[in-house]
Amino acid sequence: MEQNNPKADSQNNEANDEATVDTTVEAGTPEIMPNLEEMLQASERLAQEHYDAWMYAKAESENIRRRAAEDVSKAQKFAVERFSNEVLAVKDSLEAGLAVETATVESFKSGMELTLKQLSSVFEKFNIAEINPVGEKLDPHKHQAISMIASELPVNTVVSVMQKGYTLNDRVLRPALVLVSQGQ
């Protein structure tokens, strides 16, 4: 029975390595074994470069996320700034009308009409439209029926508007409050 002798195996391996080196040297093309320490240092440098690039990318993505959150916050905060500036002019007109000491009914009415035109102009600039559905079929998305009344009009037709509704860019801000026909 053969016993394993680690010392003998080690000596045999060394002899085989020397023989390999000797044969390559004799053939004229020496084989250079890379130094393990140098390979480890090169691998560590490469790993550090990859880690640094990853950290840079992570920091950059965090900066982008933070800037985007700030932009959204600013957009929400100042979204109505243009509208607010336009409405201030309407408020100024109303205050000027109230400040007149010797106002007649006619001058007061004409001032209110001008102020209403100014407000309508602001609404038009910002795509705010009236919902005034007299004679139209009831649309529950745009109208809110308050009551039904007897009328010659077909069933569920708007007879009168109690309060106008408004849309902003075709989205209902406030539905119109309406009376609808229940038929004859």
N, C-alpha and C. Protein backbone atom coordinates (compact mmCIF):
# COMPACT_ATOMS: atom_id res chain seq x y z
N MET A 1 0.82 -1.18 0.00
CA MET A 1 0.00 0.00 0.00
C MET A 1 0.86 1.24 0.00
N GLU A 2 0.44 2.22 -0.78
CA GLU A 2 1.23 3.43 -0.93
C GLU A 2 0.69 4.50 -0.02
N GLN A 3 1.56 5.13 0.72
CA GLN A 3 1.14 6.21 1.62
C GLN A 3 1.41 7.55 0.97
N ASN A 4 0.51 8.50 1.26
CA ASN A 4 0.71 9.85 0.76
C ASN A 4 1.72 10.56 1.63
N ASN A 5 2.71 11.09 1.02
CA ASN A 5 3.73 11.81 1.74
C ASN A 5 3.72 13.23 1.19
N PRO A 6 3.16 14.21 1.97
CA PRO A 6 3.07 15.55 1.44
C PRO A 6 4.42 16.16 1.10
N LYS A 7 5.44 15.84 1.87
CA LYS A 7 6.77 16.40 1.62
C LYS A 7 7.30 15.90 0.29
N ALA A 8 7.10 14.62 0.02
CA ALA A 8 7.59 14.02 -1.22
C ALA A 8 6.84 14.59 -2.40
N ASP A 9 5.49 14.78 -2.25
CA ASP A 9 4.69 15.36 -3.33
C ASP A 9 5.16 16.78 -3.64
N SER A 10 5.46 17.55 -2.61
CA SER A 10 5.92 18.92 -2.77
C SER A 10 7.23 18.95 -3.53
N GLN A 11 8.14 18.04 -3.20
CA GLN A 11 9.44 18.00 -3.87
C GLN A 11 9.26 17.60 -5.33
N ASN A 12 8.35 16.66 -5.60
CA ASN A 12 8.10 16.24 -6.98
C ASN A 12 7.54 17.40 -7.79
N ASN A 13 6.61 18.18 -7.20
CA ASN A 13 6.02 19.33 -7.91
C ASN A 13 7.07 20.38 -8.22
N GLU A 14 7.96 20.65 -7.27
CA GLU A 14 9.03 21.63 -7.49
C GLU A 14 9.94 21.18 -8.60
N ALA A 15 10.27 19.89 -8.62
CA ALA A 15 11.14 19.35 -9.66
C ALA A 15 10.46 19.48 -11.02
N ASN A 16 9.16 19.21 -11.08
CA ASN A 16 8.43 19.35 -12.34
C ASN A 16 8.40 20.80 -12.79
N ASP A 17 8.19 21.78 -11.85
CA ASP A 17 8.18 23.21 -12.19
C ASP A 17 9.53 23.63 -12.75
N GLU A 18 10.61 23.17 -12.12
CA GLU A 18 11.96 23.53 -12.58
C GLU A 18 12.18 22.98 -13.98
N ALA A 19 11.71 21.79 -14.21
CA ALA A 19 11.88 21.17 -15.52
C ALA A 19 11.13 21.96 -16.58
N THR A 20 9.94 22.45 -16.23
CA THR A 20 9.16 23.23 -17.17
C THR A 20 9.88 24.52 -17.48
N VAL A 21 10.39 25.18 -16.46
CA VAL A 21 11.10 26.45 -16.66
C VAL A 21 12.34 26.20 -17.48
N ASP A 22 13.04 25.15 -17.18
CA ASP A 22 14.27 24.85 -17.91
C ASP A 22 13.98 24.60 -19.38
N THR A 23 12.90 23.90 -19.69
CA THR A 23 12.61 23.59 -21.08
C THR A 23 12.24 24.85 -21.85
N THR A 24 11.52 25.77 -21.21
CA THR A 24 11.16 26.98 -21.92
C THR A 24 12.36 27.87 -22.11
N VAL A 25 13.26 27.88 -21.17
CA VAL A 25 14.46 28.69 -21.32
C VAL A 25 15.31 28.12 -22.43
N GLU A 26 15.38 26.78 -22.49
CA GLU A 26 16.18 26.15 -23.53
C GLU A 26 15.60 26.41 -24.91
N ALA A 27 14.27 26.53 -25.02
CA ALA A 27 13.64 26.75 -26.31
C ALA A 27 13.86 28.17 -26.79
N GLY A 28 14.27 29.09 -25.89
CA GLY A 28 14.58 30.46 -26.28
C GLY A 28 13.46 31.45 -26.01
N THR A 29 12.34 31.02 -25.53
CA THR A 29 11.24 31.94 -25.21
C THR A 29 10.91 31.80 -23.73
N PRO A 30 11.52 32.62 -22.92
CA PRO A 30 11.29 32.49 -21.48
C PRO A 30 9.85 32.87 -21.12
N GLU A 31 9.26 32.12 -20.23
CA GLU A 31 7.92 32.40 -19.75
C GLU A 31 8.05 33.14 -18.43
N ILE A 32 7.43 34.34 -18.38
CA ILE A 32 7.52 35.15 -17.17
C ILE A 32 6.24 34.96 -16.39
N MET A 33 6.34 34.50 -15.19
CA MET A 33 5.19 34.31 -14.30
C MET A 33 4.83 35.67 -13.70
N PRO A 34 3.56 36.12 -13.83
CA PRO A 34 3.20 37.39 -13.20
C PRO A 34 3.28 37.24 -11.68
N ASN A 35 3.74 38.28 -11.08
CA ASN A 35 3.87 38.30 -9.63
C ASN A 35 2.47 38.40 -9.04
N LEU A 36 2.13 37.54 -8.11
CA LEU A 36 0.80 37.52 -7.52
C LEU A 36 0.49 38.83 -6.79
N GLU A 37 1.47 39.40 -6.18
CA GLU A 37 1.26 40.66 -5.45
C GLU A 37 0.91 41.79 -6.42
N GLU A 38 1.60 41.81 -7.58
CA GLU A 38 1.30 42.83 -8.58
C GLU A 38 -0.10 42.63 -9.15
N MET A 39 -0.48 41.37 -9.37
CA MET A 39 -1.82 41.08 -9.88
C MET A 39 -2.88 41.52 -8.88
N LEU A 40 -2.63 41.29 -7.59
CA LEU A 40 -3.57 41.69 -6.55
C LEU A 40 -3.70 43.21 -6.51
N GLN A 41 -2.57 43.91 -6.60
CA GLN A 41 -2.62 45.38 -6.58
C GLN A 41 -3.36 45.92 -7.81
N ALA A 42 -3.14 45.32 -8.95
CA ALA A 42 -3.85 45.76 -10.17
C ALA A 42 -5.35 45.52 -10.02
N SER A 43 -5.70 44.38 -9.47
CA SER A 43 -7.12 44.08 -9.25
C SER A 43 -7.74 45.04 -8.25
N GLU A 44 -7.01 45.38 -7.20
CA GLU A 44 -7.51 46.33 -6.21
C GLU A 44 -7.69 47.72 -6.82
N ARG A 45 -6.73 48.14 -7.67
CA ARG A 45 -6.86 49.44 -8.35
C ARG A 45 -8.11 49.46 -9.24
N LEU A 46 -8.29 48.39 -9.98
CA LEU A 46 -9.45 48.29 -10.86
C LEU A 46 -10.75 48.29 -10.06
N ALA A 47 -10.77 47.56 -8.96
CA ALA A 47 -11.95 47.54 -8.10
C ALA A 47 -12.22 48.93 -7.54
N GLN A 48 -11.19 49.66 -7.14
CA GLN A 48 -11.36 51.01 -6.60
C GLN A 48 -11.90 51.96 -7.68
N GLU A 49 -11.37 51.81 -8.91
CA GLU A 49 -11.87 52.64 -10.01
C GLU A 49 -13.37 52.38 -10.25
N HIS A 50 -13.76 51.12 -10.24
CA HIS A 50 -15.17 50.78 -10.43
C HIS A 50 -16.02 51.31 -9.27
N TYR A 51 -15.51 51.19 -8.08
CA TYR A 51 -16.24 51.69 -6.91
C TYR A 51 -16.39 53.21 -6.99
N ASP A 52 -15.32 53.91 -7.37
CA ASP A 52 -15.39 55.37 -7.50
C ASP A 52 -16.39 55.79 -8.58
N ALA A 53 -16.38 55.07 -9.71
CA ALA A 53 -17.32 55.38 -10.79
C ALA A 53 -18.75 55.13 -10.32
N TRP A 54 -18.97 54.05 -9.58
CA TRP A 54 -20.31 53.75 -9.05
C TRP A 54 -20.76 54.82 -8.08
N MET A 55 -19.87 55.25 -7.18
CA MET A 55 -20.21 56.29 -6.21
C MET A 55 -20.54 57.61 -6.93
N TYR A 56 -19.78 57.94 -7.97
CA TYR A 56 -20.03 59.16 -8.73
C TYR A 56 -21.41 59.08 -9.39
N ALA A 57 -21.72 57.94 -10.01
CA ALA A 57 -23.02 57.77 -10.66
C ALA A 57 -24.15 57.84 -9.63
N LYS A 58 -23.94 57.25 -8.48
CA LYS A 58 -24.96 57.28 -7.42
C LYS A 58 -25.19 58.71 -6.95
N ALA A 59 -24.12 59.46 -6.72
CA ALA A 59 -24.24 60.86 -6.28
C ALA A 59 -24.92 61.70 -7.35
N GLU A 60 -24.57 61.46 -8.61
CA GLU A 60 -25.18 62.22 -9.71
C GLU A 60 -26.67 61.94 -9.80
N SER A 61 -27.07 60.68 -9.64
CA SER A 61 -28.49 60.36 -9.70
C SER A 61 -29.24 60.97 -8.51
N GLU A 62 -28.61 61.02 -7.35
CA GLU A 62 -29.23 61.67 -6.19
C GLU A 62 -29.41 63.16 -6.45
N ASN A 63 -28.41 63.80 -7.07
CA ASN A 63 -28.51 65.22 -7.41
C ASN A 63 -29.63 65.48 -8.41
N ILE A 64 -29.76 64.61 -9.39
CA ILE A 64 -30.82 64.76 -10.39
C ILE A 64 -32.18 64.61 -9.73
N ARG A 65 -32.32 63.62 -8.85
CA ARG A 65 -33.58 63.39 -8.14
C ARG A 65 -33.93 64.60 -7.27
N ARG A 66 -32.93 65.14 -6.57
CA ARG A 66 -33.17 66.30 -5.70
C ARG A 66 -33.56 67.53 -6.52
N ARG A 67 -32.85 67.76 -7.64
CA ARG A 67 -33.19 68.91 -8.49
C ARG A 67 -34.59 68.77 -9.08
N ALA A 68 -34.96 67.57 -9.48
CA ALA A 68 -36.30 67.35 -10.04
C ALA A 68 -37.37 67.60 -8.98
N ALA A 69 -37.12 67.17 -7.75
CA ALA A 69 -38.08 67.42 -6.66
C ALA A 69 -38.21 68.91 -6.39
N GLU A 70 -37.09 69.64 -6.43
CA GLU A 70 -37.14 71.09 -6.24
C GLU A 70 -37.90 71.77 -7.36
N ASP A 71 -37.69 71.32 -8.61
CA ASP A 71 -38.40 71.90 -9.75
C ASP A 71 -39.90 71.66 -9.65
N VAL A 72 -40.29 70.48 -9.23
CA VAL A 72 -41.72 70.18 -9.06
C VAL A 72 -42.31 71.06 -7.97
N SER A 73 -41.58 71.21 -6.89
CA SER A 73 -42.05 72.04 -5.78
C SER A 73 -42.24 73.49 -6.23
N LYS A 74 -41.25 74.02 -6.96
CA LYS A 74 -41.35 75.40 -7.46
C LYS A 74 -42.50 75.53 -8.44
N ALA A 75 -42.69 74.55 -9.31
CA ALA A 75 -43.78 74.61 -10.29
C ALA A 75 -45.13 74.62 -9.59
N GLN A 76 -45.28 73.82 -8.54
CA GLN A 76 -46.54 73.81 -7.80
C GLN A 76 -46.75 75.13 -7.07
N LYS A 77 -45.69 75.66 -6.49
CA LYS A 77 -45.80 76.88 -5.70
C LYS A 77 -46.14 78.10 -6.57
N PHE A 78 -45.54 78.16 -7.76
CA PHE A 78 -45.72 79.35 -8.59
C PHE A 78 -46.57 79.11 -9.83
N ALA A 79 -47.33 78.03 -9.85
CA ALA A 79 -48.15 77.69 -11.03
C ALA A 79 -49.21 78.74 -11.31
N VAL A 80 -49.74 79.38 -10.30
CA VAL A 80 -50.83 80.34 -10.49
C VAL A 80 -50.34 81.78 -10.52
N GLU A 81 -49.05 81.98 -10.64
CA GLU A 81 -48.50 83.33 -10.60
C GLU A 81 -49.05 84.22 -11.72
N ARG A 82 -49.05 83.72 -12.96
CA ARG A 82 -49.57 84.51 -14.08
C ARG A 82 -51.05 84.83 -13.87
N PHE A 83 -51.81 83.82 -13.46
CA PHE A 83 -53.24 84.01 -13.22
C PHE A 83 -53.46 85.03 -12.12
N SER A 84 -52.68 84.93 -11.07
CA SER A 84 -52.81 85.86 -9.94
C SER A 84 -52.55 87.30 -10.38
N ASN A 85 -51.54 87.50 -11.20
CA ASN A 85 -51.25 88.86 -11.67
C ASN A 85 -52.41 89.43 -12.48
N GLU A 86 -53.06 88.59 -13.29
CA GLU A 86 -54.18 89.05 -14.10
C GLU A 86 -55.39 89.37 -13.21
N VAL A 87 -55.63 88.55 -12.20
CA VAL A 87 -56.78 88.77 -11.31
C VAL A 87 -56.58 90.01 -10.45
N LEU A 88 -55.34 90.37 -10.17
CA LEU A 88 -55.07 91.58 -9.39
C LEU A 88 -55.61 92.82 -10.10
N ALA A 89 -55.52 92.85 -11.42
CA ALA A 89 -56.05 93.99 -12.18
C ALA A 89 -57.57 94.08 -12.01
N VAL A 90 -58.24 92.96 -11.97
CA VAL A 90 -59.70 92.95 -11.77
C VAL A 90 -60.03 93.46 -10.38
N LYS A 91 -59.28 93.03 -9.39
CA LYS A 91 -59.49 93.49 -8.02
C LYS A 91 -59.29 95.01 -7.93
N ASP A 92 -58.25 95.50 -8.59
CA ASP A 92 -58.00 96.95 -8.59
C ASP A 92 -59.18 97.71 -9.19
N SER A 93 -59.77 97.18 -10.26
CA SER A 93 -60.92 97.83 -10.88
C SER A 93 -62.12 97.85 -9.94
N LEU A 94 -62.34 96.74 -9.23
CA LEU A 94 -63.44 96.70 -8.27
C LEU A 94 -63.23 97.72 -7.15
N GLU A 95 -62.02 97.80 -6.63
CA GLU A 95 -61.72 98.76 -5.56
C GLU A 95 -61.87 100.19 -6.04
N ALA A 96 -61.45 100.47 -7.29
CA ALA A 96 -61.59 101.82 -7.84
C ALA A 96 -63.06 102.19 -7.98
N GLY A 97 -63.88 101.22 -8.38
CA GLY A 97 -65.32 101.48 -8.50
C GLY A 97 -65.95 101.77 -7.16
N LEU A 98 -65.53 101.09 -6.13
CA LEU A 98 -66.08 101.33 -4.79
C LEU A 98 -65.57 102.63 -4.18
N ALA A 99 -64.44 103.12 -4.63
CA ALA A 99 -63.86 104.34 -4.08
C ALA A 99 -64.52 105.61 -4.61
N VAL A 100 -65.29 105.51 -5.69
CA VAL A 100 -65.97 106.68 -6.26
C VAL A 100 -67.04 107.15 -5.28
N GLU A 101 -67.00 108.47 -4.96
CA GLU A 101 -67.92 109.01 -3.95
C GLU A 101 -69.27 109.41 -4.54
N THR A 102 -69.26 109.97 -5.72
CA THR A 102 -70.52 110.44 -6.31
C THR A 102 -70.90 109.56 -7.49
N ALA A 103 -71.15 108.32 -7.20
CA ALA A 103 -71.47 107.37 -8.26
C ALA A 103 -72.98 107.34 -8.49
N THR A 104 -73.35 107.31 -9.74
CA THR A 104 -74.76 107.12 -10.10
C THR A 104 -74.94 105.65 -10.43
N VAL A 105 -76.16 105.25 -10.54
CA VAL A 105 -76.45 103.85 -10.85
C VAL A 105 -75.88 103.50 -12.22
N GLU A 106 -75.98 104.43 -13.17
CA GLU A 106 -75.49 104.18 -14.52
C GLU A 106 -73.96 104.04 -14.53
N SER A 107 -73.26 104.93 -13.84
CA SER A 107 -71.79 104.85 -13.82
C SER A 107 -71.33 103.59 -13.07
N PHE A 108 -72.07 103.25 -12.02
CA PHE A 108 -71.74 102.05 -11.26
C PHE A 108 -71.92 100.81 -12.14
N LYS A 109 -73.04 100.80 -12.89
CA LYS A 109 -73.32 99.66 -13.77
C LYS A 109 -72.28 99.56 -14.88
N SER A 110 -71.91 100.68 -15.48
CA SER A 110 -70.92 100.64 -16.57
C SER A 110 -69.55 100.21 -16.03
N GLY A 111 -69.21 100.62 -14.81
CA GLY A 111 -67.96 100.18 -14.19
C GLY A 111 -67.96 98.68 -13.94
N MET A 112 -69.10 98.16 -13.48
CA MET A 112 -69.22 96.72 -13.24
C MET A 112 -69.13 95.94 -14.55
N GLU A 113 -69.72 96.48 -15.62
CA GLU A 113 -69.65 95.81 -16.92
C GLU A 113 -68.22 95.77 -17.44
N LEU A 114 -67.49 96.87 -17.27
CA LEU A 114 -66.08 96.89 -17.69
C LEU A 114 -65.25 95.90 -16.88
N THR A 115 -65.52 95.83 -15.58
CA THR A 115 -64.80 94.90 -14.72
C THR A 115 -65.13 93.46 -15.11
N LEU A 116 -66.38 93.18 -15.44
CA LEU A 116 -66.78 91.85 -15.88
C LEU A 116 -66.08 91.49 -17.19
N LYS A 117 -65.97 92.44 -18.11
CA LYS A 117 -65.25 92.19 -19.36
C LYS A 117 -63.78 91.87 -19.07
N GLN A 118 -63.21 92.61 -18.13
CA GLN A 118 -61.82 92.38 -17.76
C GLN A 118 -61.65 90.97 -17.18
N LEU A 119 -62.57 90.56 -16.33
CA LEU A 119 -62.52 89.22 -15.74
C LEU A 119 -62.74 88.14 -16.81
N SER A 120 -63.67 88.39 -17.72
CA SER A 120 -63.91 87.43 -18.81
C SER A 120 -62.66 87.28 -19.68
N SER A 121 -61.95 88.39 -19.88
CA SER A 121 -60.71 88.35 -20.64
C SER A 121 -59.66 87.49 -19.94
N VAL A 122 -59.58 87.60 -18.63
CA VAL A 122 -58.64 86.78 -17.85
C VAL A 122 -59.03 85.31 -17.99
N PHE A 123 -60.32 85.02 -17.88
CA PHE A 123 -60.78 83.63 -18.02
C PHE A 123 -60.42 83.09 -19.39
N GLU A 124 -60.60 83.90 -20.41
CA GLU A 124 -60.30 83.46 -21.77
C GLU A 124 -58.80 83.17 -21.93
N LYS A 125 -57.94 84.00 -21.36
CA LYS A 125 -56.50 83.79 -21.45
C LYS A 125 -56.09 82.46 -20.84
N PHE A 126 -56.79 82.05 -19.80
CA PHE A 126 -56.41 80.84 -19.08
C PHE A 126 -57.34 79.65 -19.35
N ASN A 127 -58.07 79.73 -20.47
CA ASN A 127 -58.94 78.64 -20.92
C ASN A 127 -59.98 78.22 -19.89
N ILE A 128 -60.54 79.19 -19.20
CA ILE A 128 -61.65 78.93 -18.29
C ILE A 128 -62.92 79.29 -19.07
N ALA A 129 -63.78 78.30 -19.25
CA ALA A 129 -64.99 78.50 -20.06
C ALA A 129 -66.24 78.26 -19.22
N GLU A 130 -67.30 79.00 -19.57
CA GLU A 130 -68.59 78.85 -18.89
C GLU A 130 -69.31 77.60 -19.38
N ILE A 131 -70.07 77.01 -18.47
CA ILE A 131 -71.01 75.95 -18.85
C ILE A 131 -72.40 76.55 -18.64
N ASN A 132 -73.07 76.86 -19.74
CA ASN A 132 -74.41 77.45 -19.69
C ASN A 132 -75.30 76.61 -20.60
N PRO A 133 -75.87 75.50 -20.08
CA PRO A 133 -76.48 74.48 -20.93
C PRO A 133 -77.98 74.59 -21.18
N VAL A 134 -78.55 75.78 -21.20
CA VAL A 134 -80.00 75.90 -21.40
C VAL A 134 -80.37 75.26 -22.73
N GLY A 135 -81.37 74.35 -22.70
CA GLY A 135 -81.86 73.68 -23.90
C GLY A 135 -81.09 72.42 -24.24
N GLU A 136 -80.02 72.13 -23.55
CA GLU A 136 -79.23 70.93 -23.82
C GLU A 136 -79.74 69.75 -22.99
N LYS A 137 -79.37 68.57 -23.39
CA LYS A 137 -79.68 67.36 -22.64
C LYS A 137 -78.80 67.34 -21.38
N LEU A 138 -79.33 66.86 -20.28
CA LEU A 138 -78.59 66.80 -19.02
C LEU A 138 -77.36 65.90 -19.17
N ASP A 139 -76.21 66.43 -18.82
CA ASP A 139 -74.95 65.67 -18.83
C ASP A 139 -74.44 65.65 -17.39
N PRO A 140 -74.52 64.51 -16.70
CA PRO A 140 -74.12 64.46 -15.29
C PRO A 140 -72.65 64.77 -15.05
N HIS A 141 -71.84 64.75 -16.09
CA HIS A 141 -70.43 65.10 -15.95
C HIS A 141 -70.22 66.62 -15.89
N LYS A 142 -71.18 67.37 -16.48
CA LYS A 142 -71.06 68.82 -16.53
C LYS A 142 -72.16 69.55 -15.77
N HIS A 143 -73.25 68.86 -15.50
CA HIS A 143 -74.42 69.52 -14.88
C HIS A 143 -74.82 68.79 -13.60
N GLN A 144 -75.37 69.56 -12.68
CA GLN A 144 -75.92 68.97 -11.46
C GLN A 144 -77.37 69.40 -11.39
N ALA A 145 -78.28 68.43 -11.49
CA ALA A 145 -79.71 68.73 -11.49
C ALA A 145 -80.16 69.02 -10.06
N ILE A 146 -80.81 70.18 -9.88
CA ILE A 146 -81.34 70.57 -8.57
C ILE A 146 -82.77 70.07 -8.41
N SER A 147 -83.51 70.19 -9.50
CA SER A 147 -84.93 69.84 -9.43
C SER A 147 -85.44 69.53 -10.83
N MET A 148 -86.58 68.86 -10.88
CA MET A 148 -87.26 68.60 -12.15
C MET A 148 -88.56 69.40 -12.15
N ILE A 149 -88.86 70.00 -13.29
CA ILE A 149 -90.10 70.78 -13.39
C ILE A 149 -90.85 70.36 -14.65
N ALA A 150 -92.15 70.58 -14.61
CA ALA A 150 -92.98 70.27 -15.78
C ALA A 150 -92.65 71.26 -16.88
N SER A 151 -92.48 70.73 -18.08
CA SER A 151 -92.11 71.59 -19.20
C SER A 151 -92.50 70.92 -20.51
N GLU A 152 -92.57 71.72 -21.56
CA GLU A 152 -92.88 71.19 -22.88
C GLU A 152 -91.66 70.54 -23.51
N LEU A 153 -90.50 70.80 -22.95
CA LEU A 153 -89.25 70.24 -23.49
C LEU A 153 -89.17 68.73 -23.20
N PRO A 154 -88.38 68.00 -23.97
CA PRO A 154 -88.22 66.56 -23.72
C PRO A 154 -87.66 66.30 -22.31
N VAL A 155 -87.87 65.10 -21.83
CA VAL A 155 -87.40 64.70 -20.49
C VAL A 155 -85.88 64.87 -20.40
N ASN A 156 -85.39 65.32 -19.24
CA ASN A 156 -83.97 65.54 -18.92
C ASN A 156 -83.30 66.60 -19.79
N THR A 157 -84.08 67.56 -20.24
CA THR A 157 -83.52 68.70 -20.95
C THR A 157 -83.41 69.85 -19.96
N VAL A 158 -82.30 70.59 -20.03
CA VAL A 158 -82.08 71.69 -19.09
C VAL A 158 -83.04 72.82 -19.43
N VAL A 159 -83.84 73.21 -18.41
CA VAL A 159 -84.83 74.28 -18.58
C VAL A 159 -84.21 75.61 -18.19
N SER A 160 -83.54 75.65 -17.07
CA SER A 160 -82.88 76.89 -16.66
C SER A 160 -81.64 76.57 -15.82
N VAL A 161 -80.75 77.57 -15.76
CA VAL A 161 -79.48 77.42 -15.03
C VAL A 161 -79.55 78.28 -13.78
N MET A 162 -79.40 77.65 -12.64
CA MET A 162 -79.40 78.38 -11.37
C MET A 162 -78.02 79.00 -11.10
N GLN A 163 -76.98 78.27 -11.47
CA GLN A 163 -75.60 78.76 -11.30
C GLN A 163 -74.77 78.18 -12.44
N LYS A 164 -74.05 79.04 -13.16
CA LYS A 164 -73.23 78.58 -14.28
C LYS A 164 -72.09 77.70 -13.76
N GLY A 165 -71.72 76.77 -14.59
CA GLY A 165 -70.57 75.94 -14.29
C GLY A 165 -69.37 76.45 -15.07
N TYR A 166 -68.18 75.92 -14.75
CA TYR A 166 -66.96 76.36 -15.43
C TYR A 166 -66.04 75.17 -15.68
N THR A 167 -65.33 75.24 -16.80
CA THR A 167 -64.31 74.24 -17.12
C THR A 167 -62.96 74.93 -17.25
N LEU A 168 -61.92 74.20 -16.95
CA LEU A 168 -60.54 74.66 -17.14
C LEU A 168 -59.88 73.66 -18.08
N ASN A 169 -59.56 74.12 -19.29
CA ASN A 169 -58.98 73.24 -20.31
C ASN A 169 -59.82 71.97 -20.47
N ASP A 170 -61.12 72.14 -20.61
CA ASP A 170 -62.10 71.07 -20.82
C ASP A 170 -62.25 70.14 -19.61
N ARG A 171 -61.76 70.51 -18.48
CA ARG A 171 -61.96 69.74 -17.25
C ARG A 171 -62.90 70.54 -16.35
N VAL A 172 -63.92 69.89 -15.82
CA VAL A 172 -64.95 70.60 -15.05
C VAL A 172 -64.36 71.09 -13.73
N LEU A 173 -64.42 72.42 -13.55
CA LEU A 173 -64.05 73.02 -12.26
C LEU A 173 -65.24 72.98 -11.32
N ARG A 174 -66.39 73.37 -11.88
CA ARG A 174 -67.63 73.40 -11.11
C ARG A 174 -68.77 73.08 -12.05
N PRO A 175 -69.62 72.10 -11.71
CA PRO A 175 -70.73 71.78 -12.60
C PRO A 175 -71.81 72.87 -12.52
N ALA A 176 -72.57 73.01 -13.59
CA ALA A 176 -73.67 73.97 -13.61
C ALA A 176 -74.84 73.40 -12.80
N LEU A 177 -75.44 74.24 -11.95
CA LEU A 177 -76.63 73.84 -11.19
C LEU A 177 -77.85 74.15 -12.06
N VAL A 178 -78.62 73.13 -12.39
CA VAL A 178 -79.68 73.30 -13.38
C VAL A 178 -81.02 72.71 -12.92
N LEU A 179 -82.09 73.22 -13.55
CA LEU A 179 -83.43 72.65 -13.44
C LEU A 179 -83.69 71.91 -14.73
N VAL A 180 -84.20 70.68 -14.64
CA VAL A 180 -84.43 69.89 -15.84
C VAL A 180 -85.90 69.58 -16.02
N SER A 181 -86.24 69.28 -17.25
CA SER A 181 -87.63 69.01 -17.60
C SER A 181 -87.98 67.56 -17.24
N GLN A 182 -89.19 67.39 -16.70
CA GLN A 182 -89.67 66.03 -16.45
C GLN A 182 -90.69 65.64 -17.51
N GLY A 183 -90.82 66.45 -18.50
CA GLY A 183 -91.77 66.19 -19.58
C GLY A 183 -93.14 66.75 -19.23
N GLN A 184 -94.15 66.39 -20.01
CA GLN A 184 -95.48 66.95 -19.77
C GLN A 184 -96.28 66.09 -18.85
